[in-house]
N, C-alpha and C. Protein backbone atom coordinates (compact mmCIF):
# COMPACT_ATOMS: atom_id res chain seq x y z
N MET A 1 -27.26 23.65 -57.91
CA MET A 1 -26.97 25.04 -57.68
C MET A 1 -27.55 25.84 -58.80
N SER A 2 -28.25 26.95 -58.49
CA SER A 2 -28.77 27.50 -59.63
C SER A 2 -27.71 28.71 -60.02
N PRO A 3 -28.03 29.43 -61.49
CA PRO A 3 -26.70 30.15 -61.71
C PRO A 3 -26.75 31.16 -60.76
N ARG A 4 -27.76 31.61 -60.10
CA ARG A 4 -28.17 32.83 -59.24
C ARG A 4 -27.42 32.61 -58.24
N THR A 5 -27.35 31.26 -57.65
CA THR A 5 -26.55 30.95 -56.06
C THR A 5 -25.19 30.95 -56.17
N LYS A 6 -24.78 31.55 -55.18
CA LYS A 6 -23.24 31.73 -54.96
C LYS A 6 -22.73 30.90 -53.80
N PRO A 7 -21.92 30.17 -53.60
CA PRO A 7 -21.47 29.25 -52.48
C PRO A 7 -21.09 30.17 -51.61
N SER A 8 -21.20 29.85 -50.23
CA SER A 8 -21.03 30.79 -49.08
C SER A 8 -19.40 30.86 -49.22
N THR A 9 -19.05 32.46 -48.61
CA THR A 9 -17.52 32.42 -48.50
C THR A 9 -17.39 32.62 -47.02
N ARG A 10 -18.12 32.08 -45.97
CA ARG A 10 -17.95 32.25 -44.93
C ARG A 10 -17.14 30.70 -44.37
N SER A 11 -16.01 30.81 -43.39
CA SER A 11 -15.39 29.81 -43.24
C SER A 11 -15.90 29.04 -42.25
N ALA A 12 -15.55 27.71 -42.23
CA ALA A 12 -16.18 26.74 -41.31
C ALA A 12 -16.31 27.25 -39.72
N ALA A 13 -15.15 28.16 -39.29
CA ALA A 13 -15.22 28.49 -38.01
C ALA A 13 -16.30 29.77 -37.82
N GLU A 14 -16.45 30.48 -38.87
CA GLU A 14 -17.63 31.50 -38.80
C GLU A 14 -18.79 31.19 -38.45
N VAL A 15 -19.28 30.07 -39.29
CA VAL A 15 -20.62 29.83 -39.03
C VAL A 15 -20.99 29.25 -37.63
N PRO A 16 -20.48 28.26 -36.72
CA PRO A 16 -20.76 28.13 -35.39
C PRO A 16 -21.03 29.71 -34.62
N ALA A 17 -19.84 30.50 -34.84
CA ALA A 17 -19.62 31.56 -34.12
C ALA A 17 -20.95 32.76 -34.22
N LEU A 18 -21.55 32.66 -35.53
CA LEU A 18 -22.58 33.42 -35.99
C LEU A 18 -23.85 32.73 -35.30
N GLN A 19 -23.97 31.44 -35.17
CA GLN A 19 -24.98 30.92 -34.78
C GLN A 19 -25.30 30.90 -33.26
N ARG A 20 -23.89 31.30 -32.33
CA ARG A 20 -23.88 31.64 -30.90
C ARG A 20 -24.28 32.77 -30.67
N SER A 21 -24.19 33.68 -31.83
CA SER A 21 -24.44 35.04 -31.50
C SER A 21 -25.92 35.61 -31.88
N ALA A 22 -26.57 34.39 -32.11
CA ALA A 22 -27.82 34.74 -32.84
C ALA A 22 -28.98 34.77 -31.60
N PRO A 23 -28.64 34.05 -30.60
CA PRO A 23 -29.45 34.55 -29.22
C PRO A 23 -29.30 35.82 -28.61
N ILE A 24 -27.82 36.33 -28.88
CA ILE A 24 -27.72 37.33 -28.09
C ILE A 24 -28.23 38.88 -29.03
N PHE A 25 -28.17 38.73 -30.29
CA PHE A 25 -29.01 39.44 -31.37
C PHE A 25 -30.62 39.58 -31.07
N ALA A 26 -30.89 38.39 -30.86
CA ALA A 26 -32.43 38.25 -30.58
C ALA A 26 -32.58 38.93 -29.42
N ALA A 27 -32.13 38.70 -28.09
CA ALA A 27 -32.50 39.56 -26.96
C ALA A 27 -32.28 40.90 -27.02
N LEU A 28 -31.22 41.16 -27.73
CA LEU A 28 -31.14 42.68 -27.79
C LEU A 28 -32.23 43.23 -29.24
N GLY A 29 -32.92 42.82 -29.63
CA GLY A 29 -33.77 43.18 -30.73
C GLY A 29 -34.82 43.86 -30.04
N ASP A 30 -35.14 43.45 -28.78
CA ASP A 30 -36.20 44.05 -28.05
C ASP A 30 -35.98 45.28 -27.28
N ALA A 31 -36.78 46.34 -27.54
CA ALA A 31 -36.20 47.80 -26.95
C ALA A 31 -36.36 47.65 -25.31
N THR A 32 -37.28 47.15 -24.67
CA THR A 32 -37.14 47.19 -23.31
C THR A 32 -35.67 46.48 -22.77
N ARG A 33 -35.47 45.04 -23.32
CA ARG A 33 -34.20 44.63 -23.13
C ARG A 33 -32.86 45.23 -23.35
N LEU A 34 -33.11 46.01 -24.41
CA LEU A 34 -31.82 46.84 -24.81
C LEU A 34 -31.80 48.08 -23.90
N ARG A 35 -32.87 48.44 -23.05
CA ARG A 35 -32.90 49.54 -22.16
C ARG A 35 -32.34 48.93 -21.06
N LEU A 36 -32.79 47.89 -20.63
CA LEU A 36 -32.24 47.15 -19.21
C LEU A 36 -30.76 47.01 -19.49
N VAL A 37 -30.17 46.67 -20.44
CA VAL A 37 -28.64 46.63 -20.75
C VAL A 37 -27.99 47.76 -20.59
N ALA A 38 -28.66 48.63 -21.17
CA ALA A 38 -27.95 50.25 -21.07
C ALA A 38 -27.80 50.51 -19.49
N LEU A 39 -29.39 50.24 -18.92
CA LEU A 39 -29.29 50.77 -17.58
C LEU A 39 -28.14 50.09 -16.81
N LEU A 40 -27.97 48.70 -16.87
CA LEU A 40 -26.86 47.83 -16.10
C LEU A 40 -25.75 48.31 -16.51
N CYS A 41 -25.41 48.71 -17.72
CA CYS A 41 -24.01 49.09 -18.19
C CYS A 41 -23.68 50.52 -17.47
N ALA A 42 -24.75 51.15 -17.31
CA ALA A 42 -24.32 52.45 -16.85
C ALA A 42 -24.64 52.51 -15.26
N GLY A 43 -25.08 51.88 -14.60
CA GLY A 43 -25.46 51.79 -13.23
C GLY A 43 -24.98 50.63 -12.36
N GLY A 44 -24.26 49.61 -13.09
CA GLY A 44 -23.47 48.45 -12.13
C GLY A 44 -24.65 47.49 -11.85
N ALA A 45 -24.61 46.89 -10.68
CA ALA A 45 -25.73 45.69 -10.56
C ALA A 45 -27.03 46.60 -9.79
N MET A 46 -27.96 46.15 -10.25
CA MET A 46 -29.36 46.78 -9.72
C MET A 46 -30.45 45.59 -9.61
N SER A 47 -31.23 45.85 -8.67
CA SER A 47 -32.31 45.22 -8.17
C SER A 47 -33.38 45.38 -9.02
N ILE A 48 -34.38 44.60 -9.34
CA ILE A 48 -35.62 44.59 -9.95
C ILE A 48 -36.37 46.03 -9.87
N ALA A 49 -36.45 46.23 -8.36
CA ALA A 49 -37.06 47.69 -7.89
C ALA A 49 -36.22 48.57 -8.68
N GLN A 50 -35.21 48.63 -8.63
CA GLN A 50 -34.28 49.85 -9.29
C GLN A 50 -34.69 49.89 -10.93
N LEU A 51 -34.45 48.70 -11.42
CA LEU A 51 -34.51 48.88 -12.89
C LEU A 51 -35.89 49.03 -13.34
N THR A 52 -37.20 49.02 -12.28
CA THR A 52 -38.67 49.31 -12.88
C THR A 52 -38.73 50.75 -12.23
N THR A 53 -37.75 51.38 -11.62
CA THR A 53 -38.18 52.70 -10.98
C THR A 53 -38.30 53.93 -12.65
N SER A 54 -39.60 54.52 -12.18
CA SER A 54 -39.89 55.55 -13.35
C SER A 54 -40.01 55.07 -14.73
N THR A 55 -40.74 53.73 -14.62
CA THR A 55 -41.20 53.17 -15.95
C THR A 55 -42.59 52.50 -15.72
N ASP A 56 -43.35 52.09 -16.51
CA ASP A 56 -44.74 51.50 -16.48
C ASP A 56 -44.53 50.17 -16.53
N ILE A 57 -43.70 49.60 -16.55
CA ILE A 57 -43.50 48.11 -16.60
C ILE A 57 -43.40 47.26 -15.32
N THR A 58 -44.03 46.48 -15.24
CA THR A 58 -44.45 45.47 -13.87
C THR A 58 -42.84 44.70 -13.69
N ARG A 59 -42.78 44.53 -12.38
CA ARG A 59 -41.63 43.73 -12.04
C ARG A 59 -41.57 42.48 -12.66
N GLN A 60 -42.54 41.86 -12.66
CA GLN A 60 -42.93 40.55 -13.52
C GLN A 60 -42.61 40.50 -14.88
N ALA A 61 -42.56 41.74 -15.76
CA ALA A 61 -42.35 41.89 -17.03
C ALA A 61 -40.87 42.05 -16.95
N VAL A 62 -40.08 42.59 -16.07
CA VAL A 62 -38.71 43.06 -16.11
C VAL A 62 -38.14 41.88 -15.89
N THR A 63 -38.74 40.77 -14.78
CA THR A 63 -38.05 39.62 -14.47
C THR A 63 -37.95 38.68 -15.86
N LYS A 64 -39.11 38.62 -16.62
CA LYS A 64 -39.11 37.76 -17.74
C LYS A 64 -38.08 38.23 -18.62
N HIS A 65 -38.03 39.79 -18.92
CA HIS A 65 -37.08 40.21 -20.00
C HIS A 65 -35.61 40.07 -19.35
N LEU A 66 -35.31 40.18 -18.21
CA LEU A 66 -33.93 39.54 -17.49
C LEU A 66 -34.01 38.29 -17.83
N GLN A 67 -34.57 37.23 -17.67
CA GLN A 67 -34.19 35.82 -17.92
C GLN A 67 -34.12 35.82 -19.48
N VAL A 68 -34.65 36.44 -20.40
CA VAL A 68 -34.20 36.10 -21.88
C VAL A 68 -32.66 36.81 -21.69
N LEU A 69 -32.45 37.71 -21.26
CA LEU A 69 -31.00 38.25 -21.46
C LEU A 69 -30.05 37.32 -20.87
N ALA A 70 -30.55 36.78 -19.35
CA ALA A 70 -29.49 35.74 -18.72
C ALA A 70 -29.33 34.52 -19.65
N ASP A 71 -30.42 34.11 -20.37
CA ASP A 71 -30.63 32.77 -21.22
C ASP A 71 -29.42 33.35 -22.35
N ALA A 72 -29.18 34.49 -22.78
CA ALA A 72 -28.37 34.81 -24.00
C ALA A 72 -27.08 35.06 -23.40
N GLY A 73 -26.80 35.12 -22.28
CA GLY A 73 -25.44 35.27 -21.36
C GLY A 73 -25.13 36.96 -21.35
N LEU A 74 -26.23 37.62 -21.29
CA LEU A 74 -25.67 39.16 -21.27
C LEU A 74 -26.02 39.59 -19.82
N VAL A 75 -26.57 39.02 -19.10
CA VAL A 75 -27.03 39.71 -17.61
C VAL A 75 -26.66 38.12 -16.70
N ARG A 76 -26.43 38.44 -15.56
CA ARG A 76 -26.57 37.51 -14.57
C ARG A 76 -26.99 37.77 -13.20
N ASP A 77 -27.57 37.35 -12.38
CA ASP A 77 -28.07 37.74 -11.15
C ASP A 77 -27.09 37.43 -10.10
N VAL A 78 -26.86 37.99 -9.15
CA VAL A 78 -26.19 37.91 -7.87
C VAL A 78 -26.88 38.13 -6.59
N LYS A 79 -26.78 37.05 -5.85
CA LYS A 79 -27.69 37.13 -4.56
C LYS A 79 -26.82 38.18 -3.37
N LEU A 80 -27.49 38.66 -2.94
CA LEU A 80 -26.89 39.61 -1.79
C LEU A 80 -27.81 39.50 -0.78
N GLY A 81 -27.76 38.55 0.13
CA GLY A 81 -28.66 38.12 1.10
C GLY A 81 -30.22 37.80 0.55
N ARG A 82 -30.91 38.49 0.74
CA ARG A 82 -32.49 38.27 0.42
C ARG A 82 -32.53 38.84 -1.12
N GLU A 83 -31.66 39.62 -1.26
CA GLU A 83 -32.05 40.58 -2.45
C GLU A 83 -31.47 39.76 -3.68
N ARG A 84 -31.77 39.99 -4.86
CA ARG A 84 -31.41 39.39 -6.06
C ARG A 84 -30.92 40.61 -6.97
N LEU A 85 -29.57 40.86 -7.20
CA LEU A 85 -29.23 41.90 -8.11
C LEU A 85 -28.83 41.55 -9.46
N TRP A 86 -29.13 42.21 -10.51
CA TRP A 86 -28.60 41.71 -11.73
C TRP A 86 -27.44 42.66 -12.37
N GLU A 87 -26.66 42.15 -12.89
CA GLU A 87 -25.48 42.87 -13.77
C GLU A 87 -25.42 42.54 -15.01
N PHE A 88 -24.43 43.27 -15.68
CA PHE A 88 -24.17 43.13 -17.25
C PHE A 88 -22.93 42.24 -17.27
N GLU A 89 -23.23 41.32 -18.37
CA GLU A 89 -22.15 40.26 -18.42
C GLU A 89 -21.57 40.65 -19.78
N PRO A 90 -20.31 41.27 -20.02
CA PRO A 90 -19.69 42.14 -21.27
C PRO A 90 -19.32 40.91 -22.04
N SER A 91 -18.81 39.62 -21.86
CA SER A 91 -18.22 38.94 -22.73
C SER A 91 -19.13 38.29 -23.89
N GLN A 92 -20.56 38.14 -23.45
CA GLN A 92 -21.08 37.71 -24.72
C GLN A 92 -21.33 38.85 -25.87
N LEU A 93 -21.46 40.32 -25.32
CA LEU A 93 -21.74 41.18 -26.23
C LEU A 93 -20.19 41.22 -27.01
N GLU A 94 -19.03 40.93 -26.28
CA GLU A 94 -17.69 40.95 -27.32
C GLU A 94 -17.94 39.76 -28.41
N GLN A 95 -18.58 38.62 -27.87
CA GLN A 95 -18.45 37.67 -28.88
C GLN A 95 -19.48 38.07 -30.40
N ALA A 96 -20.67 38.83 -29.89
CA ALA A 96 -21.46 39.41 -30.89
C ALA A 96 -20.67 40.34 -31.77
N ARG A 97 -19.95 41.37 -31.01
CA ARG A 97 -18.69 42.25 -31.78
C ARG A 97 -18.44 41.45 -32.76
N ARG A 98 -17.49 40.31 -32.53
CA ARG A 98 -16.70 39.82 -33.31
C ARG A 98 -17.43 39.31 -34.44
N SER A 99 -18.80 38.76 -34.20
CA SER A 99 -19.57 38.31 -35.48
C SER A 99 -19.78 39.29 -36.29
N LEU A 100 -20.22 40.70 -35.72
CA LEU A 100 -20.29 41.63 -36.72
C LEU A 100 -19.05 41.99 -37.30
N GLU A 101 -18.14 42.10 -36.85
CA GLU A 101 -16.65 42.48 -37.39
C GLU A 101 -16.60 41.36 -38.53
N SER A 102 -17.11 40.15 -38.26
CA SER A 102 -16.79 39.18 -39.62
C SER A 102 -17.60 39.41 -40.52
N ILE A 103 -18.84 39.94 -40.40
CA ILE A 103 -19.79 40.38 -41.51
C ILE A 103 -19.21 41.53 -42.03
N THR A 104 -18.64 42.45 -41.47
CA THR A 104 -17.87 43.64 -42.05
C THR A 104 -17.10 43.23 -42.81
N GLN A 105 -16.01 42.52 -42.62
CA GLN A 105 -14.95 42.15 -43.42
C GLN A 105 -15.35 41.16 -44.55
N GLN A 106 -16.46 40.54 -44.63
CA GLN A 106 -17.03 39.71 -45.92
C GLN A 106 -17.61 40.74 -46.76
N TRP A 107 -18.47 41.96 -46.35
CA TRP A 107 -19.03 43.01 -46.92
C TRP A 107 -17.75 43.78 -47.69
N ASP A 108 -16.97 44.31 -47.05
CA ASP A 108 -15.61 44.68 -47.40
C ASP A 108 -15.02 44.20 -48.58
N ARG A 109 -14.76 42.80 -48.79
CA ARG A 109 -14.33 41.87 -49.67
C ARG A 109 -15.13 42.02 -50.80
N ALA A 110 -16.30 41.95 -50.61
CA ALA A 110 -17.49 41.71 -51.52
C ALA A 110 -17.35 43.28 -52.33
N LEU A 111 -17.41 44.28 -51.78
CA LEU A 111 -17.39 45.43 -52.11
C LEU A 111 -15.91 45.76 -52.79
N LEU A 112 -15.16 45.33 -52.52
CA LEU A 112 -13.58 45.32 -53.36
C LEU A 112 -13.67 44.53 -54.48
N ARG A 113 -14.21 43.39 -54.51
CA ARG A 113 -14.52 42.62 -55.73
C ARG A 113 -15.32 43.42 -56.93
N LEU A 114 -16.41 43.83 -56.11
CA LEU A 114 -17.18 44.75 -57.13
C LEU A 114 -16.70 45.82 -57.84
N LYS A 115 -15.75 46.52 -56.93
CA LYS A 115 -15.00 47.91 -57.38
C LYS A 115 -13.91 47.47 -58.53
N SER A 116 -13.41 46.44 -58.47
CA SER A 116 -12.34 45.85 -59.19
C SER A 116 -13.06 45.46 -60.57
N MET A 117 -14.29 44.68 -60.52
CA MET A 117 -14.85 44.43 -61.42
C MET A 117 -15.34 45.50 -62.24
N VAL A 118 -15.87 46.49 -61.64
CA VAL A 118 -16.56 47.83 -62.61
C VAL A 118 -15.48 48.59 -63.21
N GLU A 119 -14.17 48.60 -62.59
CA GLU A 119 -13.15 49.33 -63.00
C GLU A 119 -12.27 48.67 -64.13
N HIS A 120 -12.59 47.32 -64.29
CA HIS A 120 -11.89 46.50 -65.26
C HIS A 120 -12.70 46.34 -66.28
């Protein structure tokens, strides 16, 4: 270990949680997918036709984006007769929020250590 490398302060439980959240953050990192999630949060279950209304995005493109979101566990499809509706699945977003909270706590501890060191 080099003198500049510091051992990780993450607990063994935090690392898998962060790894599980990575696909969620990757899926939300795209502006189109983030917009789709926002639409589904505001409007409930929607069809692809509804999701493409007043946009220049094709149904095929929206379908591909929805599949990425589904793979990350952020949306799910519900079949209603011959129609397929998509709805937001909040549990995965809660997991991502907990991961961000863990990172926030790590930064808070690091800043407290820095403050203590500077004051003494």
